[in-house]
C-alpha cells in the first residue's frame, strides 16, 4: 500500500486517524550512524496534505535502522524489543558499544 513519511510522530498518528487507517503500522527509522549521509527533501509544499510534513528520502551509504514499530490497531509499541534485539545483535557480532549505538 501507500507509504507516507514524516519526521513527527504525532503527525503520523494524526494522519492515520484522519485517513481512517486504523490497521496500519508506523515504522520509526533512524540513520545507522553519523556516516550514513542520508538526505531528505521536504515535500510538504507539493503534497495535498501539507500539514503532514512529508519528506522524500534519498542517498545514504548505509541502511536505515528500525528504532521502533507501532501497530495502530492495537496501539502496541515494540521499541523495547527492537532495542533488545539490537543489543543481542551487538553481543553476537562482538561489537563495541559506543555512545552512538547505546541509544
Protein backbone atom coordinates (compact mmCIF):
# COMPACT_ATOMS: atom_id res chain seq x y z
CA UNK A 1 0.00 0.00 0.00
CA UNK A 2 0.96 3.64 0.02
CA UNK A 3 3.72 4.92 2.25
CA UNK A 4 3.81 8.33 3.86
CA UNK A 5 6.89 9.65 5.65
CA UNK A 6 7.09 12.36 8.26
CA UNK A 7 9.68 13.18 10.93
CA UNK A 8 6.97 13.95 13.50
CA UNK A 9 5.34 11.03 15.37
CA UNK A 10 2.22 12.99 16.31
CA UNK A 11 1.64 13.92 12.65
CA UNK A 12 1.94 10.25 11.60
CA UNK A 13 -0.59 9.17 14.22
CA UNK A 14 -2.99 12.00 13.41
CA UNK A 15 -2.80 11.38 9.64
CA UNK A 16 -3.54 7.68 10.14
CA UNK A 17 -6.65 8.65 12.13
CA UNK A 18 -7.75 11.25 9.55
CA UNK A 19 -7.30 8.81 6.66
CA UNK A 20 -9.02 6.04 8.66
CA UNK A 21 -6.00 3.74 8.53
CA UNK A 22 -6.53 2.08 11.88
CA UNK A 23 -4.79 -1.13 10.81
CA UNK A 24 -1.53 0.48 9.71
CA UNK A 25 1.99 0.15 11.04
CA UNK A 26 4.27 3.04 11.97
CA UNK A 27 7.96 2.36 11.39
CA UNK A 28 10.36 4.70 13.16
CA UNK A 29 13.60 4.68 11.20
CA UNK A 30 16.95 6.22 12.14
CA UNK A 31 20.29 6.53 10.40
CA UNK A 32 22.68 3.72 11.29
CA UNK A 33 25.42 6.17 12.31
CA UNK A 34 26.80 9.62 11.52
CA UNK A 35 28.40 8.28 8.32
CA UNK A 36 25.08 7.36 6.71
CA UNK A 37 24.74 10.68 4.85
CA UNK A 38 21.01 10.22 4.46
CA UNK A 39 19.34 13.24 2.91
CA UNK A 40 15.69 14.21 2.78
CA UNK A 41 13.64 16.64 0.72
CA UNK A 42 10.70 18.44 2.33
CA UNK A 43 7.73 17.68 0.05
CA UNK A 44 5.05 19.36 2.15
CA UNK A 45 4.69 22.21 -0.35
CA UNK A 46 3.95 19.66 -3.12
CA UNK A 47 1.65 17.46 -1.08
CA UNK A 48 -2.14 17.54 -0.94
CA UNK A 49 -1.62 17.22 2.80
CA UNK A 50 0.94 19.95 3.53
CA UNK A 51 0.34 19.75 7.27
CA UNK A 52 1.76 16.20 7.31
CA UNK A 53 5.34 17.43 6.77
CA UNK A 54 6.03 14.65 4.24
CA UNK A 55 9.64 14.01 3.26
CA UNK A 56 11.32 12.12 0.44
CA UNK A 57 14.46 10.26 1.46
CA UNK A 58 17.39 9.65 -0.87
CA UNK A 59 21.08 8.94 -0.77
CA UNK A 60 22.77 7.45 2.21
CA UNK A 61 25.60 4.99 2.09
CA UNK A 62 24.34 2.89 4.97
CA UNK A 63 20.99 1.20 5.65
CA UNK A 64 18.39 2.68 7.95
CA UNK A 65 17.73 1.02 11.30
CA UNK A 66 14.38 0.29 12.87
CA UNK A 67 14.12 2.29 16.07
CA UNK A 68 10.51 1.38 16.80
CA UNK A 69 7.49 -0.39 15.33
CA UNK A 70 3.97 0.62 16.35
CA UNK A 71 0.79 -1.27 15.46
CA UNK A 72 -2.00 1.29 15.09
CA UNK A 73 -4.94 -1.09 15.53
CA UNK A 74 -3.86 -2.37 18.95
CA UNK A 75 -1.58 0.53 19.99
CA UNK A 76 1.27 -1.91 20.55
CA UNK A 77 4.76 -0.43 20.83
CA UNK A 78 7.69 -2.73 20.01
CA UNK A 79 10.50 -0.25 20.78
CA UNK A 80 11.79 -2.19 23.80
CA UNK A 81 12.02 -5.39 21.72
CA UNK A 82 13.87 -3.60 18.92
CA UNK A 83 16.41 -2.30 21.45
CA UNK A 84 16.80 -5.78 22.99
CA UNK A 85 17.34 -7.39 19.58
CA UNK A 86 19.83 -4.66 18.65
CA UNK A 87 21.84 -5.31 21.83
CA UNK A 88 21.67 -9.06 21.20
CA UNK A 89 23.00 -8.45 17.68
CA UNK A 90 25.90 -6.41 19.12
CA UNK A 91 26.74 -9.25 21.51
CA UNK A 92 26.65 -11.88 18.74
CA UNK A 93 28.83 -9.73 16.47
CA UNK A 94 31.14 -8.72 19.35
CA UNK A 95 30.52 -5.06 18.53
CA UNK A 96 31.88 -2.45 20.93
CA UNK A 97 29.11 -0.39 22.49
CA UNK A 98 29.76 3.30 21.94
CA UNK A 99 27.66 6.37 22.65
CA UNK A 100 26.17 6.15 19.17
CA UNK A 101 24.76 2.65 19.43
CA UNK A 102 23.74 2.74 23.12
CA UNK A 103 20.61 4.79 22.33
